[in-house]
Amino acid sequence: MELYATLEDLPSYMLYKKFDEDDSTYYDTCKAEPKINSDEKLVKICAKTIKNFKHIEKIKEDYTFKDKPCTDLNYWIREELIKVHHIKE
């Protein structure tokens, strides 16, 4: 018996999908930040990151390893910044 039938069934995959969801709730907060307001991609990452911190606060007790969602968020942020800055290595 397989524990997970597909990649989409993995808890980390589902969390990453949640991290990727657009949400305009914090867009204005990030747009007001002078160091990033001229870069639309960074403003979106900022807004998603704030949303994701709020989401983690709600779900962290559901995890056996309490730091797992934070670790996943760190990887997600790095991946997003790499995409924005076109880093290949």
PDB file of N, CA and C in Angstrom:
ATOM      1  N   MET A   1       0.833  -1.184   0.000  1.00  0.00           N
ATOM      2  CA  MET A   1       0.000   0.000   0.000  1.00  0.00           C
ATOM      3  C   MET A   1       0.883   1.256   0.000  1.00  0.00           C
ATOM      4  N   GLU A   2       0.578   2.165  -0.897  1.00  0.00           N
ATOM      5  CA  GLU A   2       1.320   3.417  -0.976  1.00  0.00           C
ATOM      6  C   GLU A   2       0.802   4.398   0.060  1.00  0.00           C
ATOM      7  N   LEU A   3       1.724   5.094   0.699  1.00  0.00           N
ATOM      8  CA  LEU A   3       1.329   6.103   1.670  1.00  0.00           C
ATOM      9  C   LEU A   3       0.708   7.305   0.963  1.00  0.00           C
ATOM     10  N   TYR A   4       1.334   7.741  -0.110  1.00  0.00           N
ATOM     11  CA  TYR A   4       0.813   8.845  -0.913  1.00  0.00           C
ATOM     12  C   TYR A   4       0.779   8.395  -2.365  1.00  0.00           C
ATOM     13  N   ALA A   5      -0.369   8.518  -2.989  1.00  0.00           N
ATOM     14  CA  ALA A   5      -0.520   8.059  -4.360  1.00  0.00           C
ATOM     15  C   ALA A   5       0.211   8.968  -5.347  1.00  0.00           C
ATOM     16  N   THR A   6       0.181  10.253  -5.094  1.00  0.00           N
ATOM     17  CA  THR A   6       0.838  11.204  -5.990  1.00  0.00           C
ATOM     18  C   THR A   6       1.500  12.311  -5.179  1.00  0.00           C
ATOM     19  N   LEU A   7       2.292  13.076  -5.872  1.00  0.00           N
ATOM     20  CA  LEU A   7       2.950  14.227  -5.250  1.00  0.00           C
ATOM     21  C   LEU A   7       1.927  15.188  -4.640  1.00  0.00           C
ATOM     22  N   GLU A   8       0.810  15.360  -5.324  1.00  0.00           N
ATOM     23  CA  GLU A   8      -0.223  16.289  -4.867  1.00  0.00           C
ATOM     24  C   GLU A   8      -0.828  15.900  -3.523  1.00  0.00           C
ATOM     25  N   ASP A   9      -0.639  14.661  -3.102  1.00  0.00           N
ATOM     26  CA  ASP A   9      -1.190  14.196  -1.824  1.00  0.00           C
ATOM     27  C   ASP A   9      -0.273  14.496  -0.636  1.00  0.00           C
ATOM     28  N   LEU A  10       0.938  14.908  -0.907  1.00  0.00           N
ATOM     29  CA  LEU A  10       1.887  15.169   0.176  1.00  0.00           C
ATOM     30  C   LEU A  10       1.513  16.440   0.942  1.00  0.00           C
ATOM     31  N   PRO A  11       1.609  16.413   2.264  1.00  0.00           N
ATOM     32  CA  PRO A  11       1.278  17.605   3.056  1.00  0.00           C
ATOM     33  C   PRO A  11       2.096  18.839   2.660  1.00  0.00           C
ATOM     34  N   SER A  12       3.373  18.665   2.390  1.00  0.00           N
ATOM     35  CA  SER A  12       4.202  19.814   1.996  1.00  0.00           C
ATOM     36  C   SER A  12       3.751  20.396   0.660  1.00  0.00           C
ATOM     37  N   TYR A  13       3.365  19.537  -0.258  1.00  0.00           N
ATOM     38  CA  TYR A  13       2.886  20.007  -1.559  1.00  0.00           C
ATOM     39  C   TYR A  13       1.624  20.845  -1.382  1.00  0.00           C
ATOM     40  N   MET A  14       0.709  20.354  -0.557  1.00  0.00           N
ATOM     41  CA  MET A  14      -0.537  21.082  -0.318  1.00  0.00           C
ATOM     42  C   MET A  14      -0.265  22.424   0.361  1.00  0.00           C
ATOM     43  N   LEU A  15       0.706  22.451   1.262  1.00  0.00           N
ATOM     44  CA  LEU A  15       1.068  23.695   1.934  1.00  0.00           C
ATOM     45  C   LEU A  15       1.679  24.683   0.933  1.00  0.00           C
ATOM     46  N   TYR A  16       2.536  24.203   0.043  1.00  0.00           N
ATOM     47  CA  TYR A  16       3.118  25.066  -0.987  1.00  0.00           C
ATOM     48  C   TYR A  16       2.030  25.647  -1.884  1.00  0.00           C
ATOM     49  N   LYS A  17       1.038  24.846  -2.228  1.00  0.00           N
ATOM     50  CA  LYS A  17      -0.076  25.338  -3.046  1.00  0.00           C
ATOM     51  C   LYS A  17      -0.790  26.474  -2.318  1.00  0.00           C
ATOM     52  N   LYS A  18      -0.968  26.318  -1.018  1.00  0.00           N
ATOM     53  CA  LYS A  18      -1.590  27.370  -0.208  1.00  0.00           C
ATOM     54  C   LYS A  18      -0.703  28.617  -0.197  1.00  0.00           C
ATOM     55  N   PHE A  19       0.604  28.421  -0.054  1.00  0.00           N
ATOM     56  CA  PHE A  19       1.538  29.550  -0.070  1.00  0.00           C
ATOM     57  C   PHE A  19       1.443  30.326  -1.385  1.00  0.00           C
ATOM     58  N   ASP A  20       1.228  29.631  -2.489  1.00  0.00           N
ATOM     59  CA  ASP A  20       1.194  30.254  -3.815  1.00  0.00           C
ATOM     60  C   ASP A  20      -0.084  31.040  -4.105  1.00  0.00           C
ATOM     61  N   GLU A  21      -1.121  30.812  -3.336  1.00  0.00           N
ATOM     62  CA  GLU A  21      -2.404  31.469  -3.616  1.00  0.00           C
ATOM     63  C   GLU A  21      -2.278  32.986  -3.501  1.00  0.00           C
ATOM     64  N   ASP A  22      -2.846  33.671  -4.491  1.00  0.00           N
ATOM     65  CA  ASP A  22      -2.859  35.136  -4.456  1.00  0.00           C
ATOM     66  C   ASP A  22      -3.864  35.622  -3.427  1.00  0.00           C
ATOM     67  N   ASP A  23      -3.535  36.721  -2.798  1.00  0.00           N
ATOM     68  CA  ASP A  23      -4.415  37.340  -1.808  1.00  0.00           C
ATOM     69  C   ASP A  23      -4.040  38.812  -1.746  1.00  0.00           C
ATOM     70  N   SER A  24      -4.986  39.675  -2.003  1.00  0.00           N
ATOM     71  CA  SER A  24      -4.690  41.111  -2.043  1.00  0.00           C
ATOM     72  C   SER A  24      -4.802  41.789  -0.676  1.00  0.00           C
ATOM     73  N   THR A  25      -5.092  41.032   0.362  1.00  0.00           N
ATOM     74  CA  THR A  25      -5.294  41.593   1.698  1.00  0.00           C
ATOM     75  C   THR A  25      -4.129  42.466   2.152  1.00  0.00           C
ATOM     76  N   TYR A  26      -2.922  42.024   1.913  1.00  0.00           N
ATOM     77  CA  TYR A  26      -1.739  42.735   2.412  1.00  0.00           C
ATOM     78  C   TYR A  26      -0.979  43.480   1.313  1.00  0.00           C
ATOM     79  N   TYR A  27      -1.585  43.558   0.131  1.00  0.00           N
ATOM     80  CA  TYR A  27      -0.922  44.207  -1.004  1.00  0.00           C
ATOM     81  C   TYR A  27      -0.577  45.667  -0.696  1.00  0.00           C
ATOM     82  N   ASP A  28      -1.527  46.420  -0.167  1.00  0.00           N
ATOM     83  CA  ASP A  28      -1.290  47.845   0.115  1.00  0.00           C
ATOM     84  C   ASP A  28      -0.214  48.046   1.178  1.00  0.00           C
ATOM     85  N   THR A  29      -0.176  47.145   2.147  1.00  0.00           N
ATOM     86  CA  THR A  29       0.861  47.214   3.180  1.00  0.00           C
ATOM     87  C   THR A  29       2.242  47.102   2.547  1.00  0.00           C
ATOM     88  N   CYS A  30       2.384  46.158   1.633  1.00  0.00           N
ATOM     89  CA  CYS A  30       3.678  45.949   0.979  1.00  0.00           C
ATOM     90  C   CYS A  30       3.975  47.050  -0.038  1.00  0.00           C
ATOM     91  N   LYS A  31       2.949  47.528  -0.707  1.00  0.00           N
ATOM     92  CA  LYS A  31       3.135  48.601  -1.695  1.00  0.00           C
ATOM     93  C   LYS A  31       3.638  49.875  -1.014  1.00  0.00           C
ATOM     94  N   ALA A  32       3.320  50.044   0.263  1.00  0.00           N
ATOM     95  CA  ALA A  32       3.755  51.227   1.014  1.00  0.00           C
ATOM     96  C   ALA A  32       5.213  51.135   1.462  1.00  0.00           C
ATOM     97  N   GLU A  33       5.816  49.983   1.298  1.00  0.00           N
ATOM     98  CA  GLU A  33       7.218  49.799   1.714  1.00  0.00           C
ATOM     99  C   GLU A  33       8.141  50.395   0.641  1.00  0.00           C
ATOM    100  N   PRO A  34       8.846  51.485   0.959  1.00  0.00           N
ATOM    101  CA  PRO A  34       9.655  52.184  -0.052  1.00  0.00           C
ATOM    102  C   PRO A  34      10.736  51.333  -0.723  1.00  0.00           C
ATOM    103  N   LYS A  35      11.289  50.376  -0.019  1.00  0.00           N
ATOM    104  CA  LYS A  35      12.395  49.599  -0.594  1.00  0.00           C
ATOM    105  C   LYS A  35      11.952  48.615  -1.672  1.00  0.00           C
ATOM    106  N   ILE A  36      10.659  48.297  -1.725  1.00  0.00           N
ATOM    107  CA  ILE A  36      10.203  47.321  -2.723  1.00  0.00           C
ATOM    108  C   ILE A  36       9.062  47.828  -3.596  1.00  0.00           C
ATOM    109  N   ASN A  37       8.484  48.982  -3.299  1.00  0.00           N
ATOM    110  CA  ASN A  37       7.259  49.396  -3.984  1.00  0.00           C
ATOM    111  C   ASN A  37       7.409  49.606  -5.487  1.00  0.00           C
ATOM    112  N   SER A  38       8.614  49.723  -5.991  1.00  0.00           N
ATOM    113  CA  SER A  38       8.799  49.895  -7.433  1.00  0.00           C
ATOM    114  C   SER A  38       8.900  48.557  -8.175  1.00  0.00           C
ATOM    115  N   ASP A  39       8.948  47.465  -7.447  1.00  0.00           N
ATOM    116  CA  ASP A  39       9.063  46.133  -8.059  1.00  0.00           C
ATOM    117  C   ASP A  39       7.806  45.325  -7.744  1.00  0.00           C
ATOM    118  N   GLU A  40       6.929  45.232  -8.728  1.00  0.00           N
ATOM    119  CA  GLU A  40       5.635  44.571  -8.544  1.00  0.00           C
ATOM    120  C   GLU A  40       5.771  43.119  -8.077  1.00  0.00           C
ATOM    121  N   LYS A  41       6.762  42.415  -8.586  1.00  0.00           N
ATOM    122  CA  LYS A  41       6.957  41.015  -8.192  1.00  0.00           C
ATOM    123  C   LYS A  41       7.303  40.905  -6.712  1.00  0.00           C
ATOM    124  N   LEU A  42       8.153  41.806  -6.225  1.00  0.00           N
ATOM    125  CA  LEU A  42       8.516  41.779  -4.804  1.00  0.00           C
ATOM    126  C   LEU A  42       7.338  42.179  -3.920  1.00  0.00           C
ATOM    127  N   VAL A  43       6.525  43.103  -4.392  1.00  0.00           N
ATOM    128  CA  VAL A  43       5.332  43.493  -3.633  1.00  0.00           C
ATOM    129  C   VAL A  43       4.408  42.287  -3.485  1.00  0.00           C
ATOM    130  N   LYS A  44       4.242  41.519  -4.551  1.00  0.00           N
ATOM    131  CA  LYS A  44       3.381  40.324  -4.490  1.00  0.00           C
ATOM    132  C   LYS A  44       3.961  39.267  -3.551  1.00  0.00           C
ATOM    133  N   ILE A  45       5.277  39.059  -3.610  1.00  0.00           N
ATOM    134  CA  ILE A  45       5.910  38.099  -2.696  1.00  0.00           C
ATOM    135  C   ILE A  45       5.726  38.557  -1.257  1.00  0.00           C
ATOM    136  N   CYS A  46       5.902  39.833  -1.018  1.00  0.00           N
ATOM    137  CA  CYS A  46       5.718  40.391   0.322  1.00  0.00           C
ATOM    138  C   CYS A  46       4.296  40.125   0.820  1.00  0.00           C
ATOM    139  N   ALA A  47       3.296  40.431  -0.008  1.00  0.00           N
ATOM    140  CA  ALA A  47       1.896  40.240   0.387  1.00  0.00           C
ATOM    141  C   ALA A  47       1.596  38.770   0.665  1.00  0.00           C
ATOM    142  N   LYS A  48       2.113  37.891  -0.180  1.00  0.00           N
ATOM    143  CA  LYS A  48       1.910  36.457   0.039  1.00  0.00           C
ATOM    144  C   LYS A  48       2.614  35.990   1.306  1.00  0.00           C
ATOM    145  N   THR A  49       3.791  36.529   1.567  1.00  0.00           N
ATOM    146  CA  THR A  49       4.541  36.127   2.761  1.00  0.00           C
ATOM    147  C   THR A  49       3.794  36.509   4.033  1.00  0.00           C
ATOM    148  N   ILE A  50       3.252  37.713   4.086  1.00  0.00           N
ATOM    149  CA  ILE A  50       2.468  38.113   5.259  1.00  0.00           C
ATOM    150  C   ILE A  50       1.266  37.195   5.420  1.00  0.00           C
ATOM    151  N   LYS A  51       0.563  36.938   4.301  1.00  0.00           N
ATOM    152  CA  LYS A  51      -0.589  36.028   4.336  1.00  0.00           C
ATOM    153  C   LYS A  51      -0.169  34.660   4.851  1.00  0.00           C
ATOM    154  N   ASN A  52       0.984  34.192   4.406  1.00  0.00           N
ATOM    155  CA  ASN A  52       1.451  32.863   4.794  1.00  0.00           C
ATOM    156  C   ASN A  52       1.853  32.795   6.262  1.00  0.00           C
ATOM    157  N   PHE A  53       2.436  33.861   6.786  1.00  0.00           N
ATOM    158  CA  PHE A  53       2.725  33.902   8.231  1.00  0.00           C
ATOM    159  C   PHE A  53       1.432  33.778   9.032  1.00  0.00           C
ATOM    160  N   LYS A  54       0.407  34.495   8.599  1.00  0.00           N
ATOM    161  CA  LYS A  54      -0.892  34.433   9.290  1.00  0.00           C
ATOM    162  C   LYS A  54      -1.472  33.020   9.199  1.00  0.00           C
ATOM    163  N   HIS A  55      -1.333  32.399   8.031  1.00  0.00           N
ATOM    164  CA  HIS A  55      -1.839  31.035   7.832  1.00  0.00           C
ATOM    165  C   HIS A  55      -1.104  30.047   8.740  1.00  0.00           C
ATOM    166  N   ILE A  56       0.206  30.159   8.811  1.00  0.00           N
ATOM    167  CA  ILE A  56       1.001  29.264   9.662  1.00  0.00           C
ATOM    168  C   ILE A  56       0.586  29.395  11.119  1.00  0.00           C
ATOM    169  N   GLU A  57       0.320  30.603  11.539  1.00  0.00           N
ATOM    170  CA  GLU A  57      -0.103  30.828  12.926  1.00  0.00           C
ATOM    171  C   GLU A  57      -1.363  30.015  13.245  1.00  0.00           C
ATOM    172  N   LYS A  58      -2.249  29.892  12.250  1.00  0.00           N
ATOM    173  CA  LYS A  58      -3.496  29.142  12.453  1.00  0.00           C
ATOM    174  C   LYS A  58      -3.288  27.629  12.433  1.00  0.00           C
ATOM    175  N   ILE A  59      -2.364  27.143  11.617  1.00  0.00           N
ATOM    176  CA  ILE A  59      -2.259  25.695  11.390  1.00  0.00           C
ATOM    177  C   ILE A  59      -1.130  25.003  12.131  1.00  0.00           C
ATOM    178  N   LYS A  60      -0.217  25.740  12.730  1.00  0.00           N
ATOM    179  CA  LYS A  60       0.995  25.116  13.272  1.00  0.00           C
ATOM    180  C   LYS A  60       0.713  24.033  14.304  1.00  0.00           C
ATOM    181  N   GLU A  61      -0.358  24.137  15.041  1.00  0.00           N
ATOM    182  CA  GLU A  61      -0.678  23.130  16.052  1.00  0.00           C
ATOM    183  C   GLU A  61      -1.125  21.804  15.431  1.00  0.00           C
ATOM    184  N   ASP A  62      -1.472  21.819  14.150  1.00  0.00           N
ATOM    185  CA  ASP A  62      -1.887  20.598  13.458  1.00  0.00           C
ATOM    186  C   ASP A  62      -0.703  19.719  13.068  1.00  0.00           C
ATOM    187  N   TYR A  63       0.506  20.221  13.221  1.00  0.00           N
ATOM    188  CA  TYR A  63       1.704  19.509  12.792  1.00  0.00           C
ATOM    189  C   TYR A  63       2.418  18.866  13.975  1.00  0.00           C
ATOM    190  N   THR A  64       2.902  17.651  13.762  1.00  0.00           N
ATOM    191  CA  THR A  64       3.691  16.965  14.780  1.00  0.00           C
ATOM    192  C   THR A  64       4.983  17.734  15.030  1.00  0.00           C
ATOM    193  N   PHE A  65       5.616  18.146  13.947  1.00  0.00           N
ATOM    194  CA  PHE A  65       6.836  18.948  14.037  1.00  0.00           C
ATOM    195  C   PHE A  65       6.418  20.401  13.845  1.00  0.00           C
ATOM    196  N   LYS A  66       6.357  21.131  14.934  1.00  0.00           N
ATOM    197  CA  LYS A  66       5.797  22.486  14.926  1.00  0.00           C
ATOM    198  C   LYS A  66       6.542  23.455  14.015  1.00  0.00           C
ATOM    199  N   ASP A  67       7.820  23.203  13.763  1.00  0.00           N
ATOM    200  CA  ASP A  67       8.572  24.121  12.913  1.00  0.00           C
ATOM    201  C   ASP A  67       8.487  23.767  11.426  1.00  0.00           C
ATOM    202  N   LYS A  68       7.829  22.672  11.076  1.00  0.00           N
ATOM    203  CA  LYS A  68       7.743  22.231   9.678  1.00  0.00           C
ATOM    204  C   LYS A  68       7.114  23.288   8.761  1.00  0.00           C
ATOM    205  N   PRO A  69       5.981  23.889   9.124  1.00  0.00           N
ATOM    206  CA  PRO A  69       5.424  24.921   8.232  1.00  0.00           C
ATOM    207  C   PRO A  69       6.364  26.112   8.049  1.00  0.00           C
ATOM    208  N   CYS A  70       7.090  26.483   9.091  1.00  0.00           N
ATOM    209  CA  CYS A  70       8.045  27.599   8.982  1.00  0.00           C
ATOM    210  C   CYS A  70       9.206  27.232   8.067  1.00  0.00           C
ATOM    211  N   THR A  71       9.677  26.016   8.184  1.00  0.00           N
ATOM    212  CA  THR A  71      10.752  25.547   7.306  1.00  0.00           C
ATOM    213  C   THR A  71      10.284  25.560   5.858  1.00  0.00           C
ATOM    214  N   ASP A  72       9.080  25.056   5.624  1.00  0.00           N
ATOM    215  CA  ASP A  72       8.533  25.065   4.266  1.00  0.00           C
ATOM    216  C   ASP A  72       8.379  26.487   3.742  1.00  0.00           C
ATOM    217  N   LEU A  73       7.947  27.405   4.602  1.00  0.00           N
ATOM    218  CA  LEU A  73       7.805  28.801   4.176  1.00  0.00           C
ATOM    219  C   LEU A  73       9.164  29.398   3.816  1.00  0.00           C
ATOM    220  N   ASN A  74      10.190  29.085   4.575  1.00  0.00           N
ATOM    221  CA  ASN A  74      11.539  29.566   4.239  1.00  0.00           C
ATOM    222  C   ASN A  74      11.960  29.089   2.853  1.00  0.00           C
ATOM    223  N   TYR A  75      11.713  27.815   2.554  1.00  0.00           N
ATOM    224  CA  TYR A  75      12.054  27.287   1.233  1.00  0.00           C
ATOM    225  C   TYR A  75      11.224  27.967   0.148  1.00  0.00           C
ATOM    226  N   TRP A  76       9.947  28.185   0.434  1.00  0.00           N
ATOM    227  CA  TRP A  76       9.061  28.828  -0.535  1.00  0.00           C
ATOM    228  C   TRP A  76       9.554  30.246  -0.847  1.00  0.00           C
ATOM    229  N   ILE A  77       9.904  31.013   0.197  1.00  0.00           N
ATOM    230  CA  ILE A  77      10.390  32.385   0.001  1.00  0.00           C
ATOM    231  C   ILE A  77      11.662  32.379  -0.846  1.00  0.00           C
ATOM    232  N   ARG A  78      12.595  31.502  -0.531  1.00  0.00           N
ATOM    233  CA  ARG A  78      13.836  31.411  -1.315  1.00  0.00           C
ATOM    234  C   ARG A  78      13.541  31.109  -2.777  1.00  0.00           C
ATOM    235  N   GLU A  79      12.649  30.160  -3.000  1.00  0.00           N
ATOM    236  CA  GLU A  79      12.294  29.787  -4.366  1.00  0.00           C
ATOM    237  C   GLU A  79      11.691  30.973  -5.117  1.00  0.00           C
ATOM    238  N   GLU A  80      10.817  31.710  -4.463  1.00  0.00           N
ATOM    239  CA  GLU A  80      10.189  32.871  -5.097  1.00  0.00           C
ATOM    240  C   GLU A  80      11.220  33.952  -5.426  1.00  0.00           C
ATOM    241  N   LEU A  81      12.134  34.216  -4.519  1.00  0.00           N
ATOM    242  CA  LEU A  81      13.172  35.226  -4.768  1.00  0.00           C
ATOM    243  C   LEU A  81      14.119  34.792  -5.881  1.00  0.00           C
ATOM    244  N   ILE A  82      14.426  33.512  -5.936  1.00  0.00           N
ATOM    245  CA  ILE A  82      15.264  32.984  -7.019  1.00  0.00           C
ATOM    246  C   ILE A  82      14.571  33.193  -8.360  1.00  0.00           C
ATOM    247  N   LYS A  83      13.271  32.947  -8.415  1.00  0.00           N
ATOM    248  CA  LYS A  83      12.517  33.151  -9.660  1.00  0.00           C
ATOM    249  C   LYS A  83      12.545  34.624 -10.080  1.00  0.00           C
ATOM    250  N   VAL A  84      12.320  35.518  -9.131  1.00  0.00           N
ATOM    251  CA  VAL A  84      12.273  36.954  -9.419  1.00  0.00           C
ATOM    252  C   VAL A  84      13.621  37.465  -9.920  1.00  0.00           C
ATOM    253  N   HIS A  85      14.689  36.998  -9.317  1.00  0.00           N
ATOM    254  CA  HIS A  85      16.025  37.492  -9.667  1.00  0.00           C
ATOM    255  C   HIS A  85      16.738  36.616 -10.699  1.00  0.00           C
ATOM    256  N   HIS A  86      16.047  35.625 -11.221  1.00  0.00           N
ATOM    257  CA  HIS A  86      16.576  34.751 -12.274  1.00  0.00           C
ATOM    258  C   HIS A  86      17.920  34.130 -11.898  1.00  0.00           C
ATOM    259  N   ILE A  87      18.020  33.649 -10.678  1.00  0.00           N
ATOM    260  CA  ILE A  87      19.245  33.006 -10.198  1.00  0.00           C
ATOM    261  C   ILE A  87      19.253  31.562 -10.688  1.00  0.00           C
ATOM    262  N   LYS A  88      20.347  31.142 -11.286  1.00  0.00           N
ATOM    263  CA  LYS A  88      20.404  29.794 -11.847  1.00  0.00           C
ATOM    264  C   LYS A  88      21.151  28.817 -10.969  1.00  0.00           C
ATOM    265  N   GLU A  89      21.968  29.287 -10.056  1.00  0.00           N
ATOM    266  CA  GLU A  89      22.730  28.383  -9.188  1.00  0.00           C
ATOM    267  C   GLU A  89      22.404  28.640  -7.747  1.00  0.00           C
TER     268      GLU A  89
END
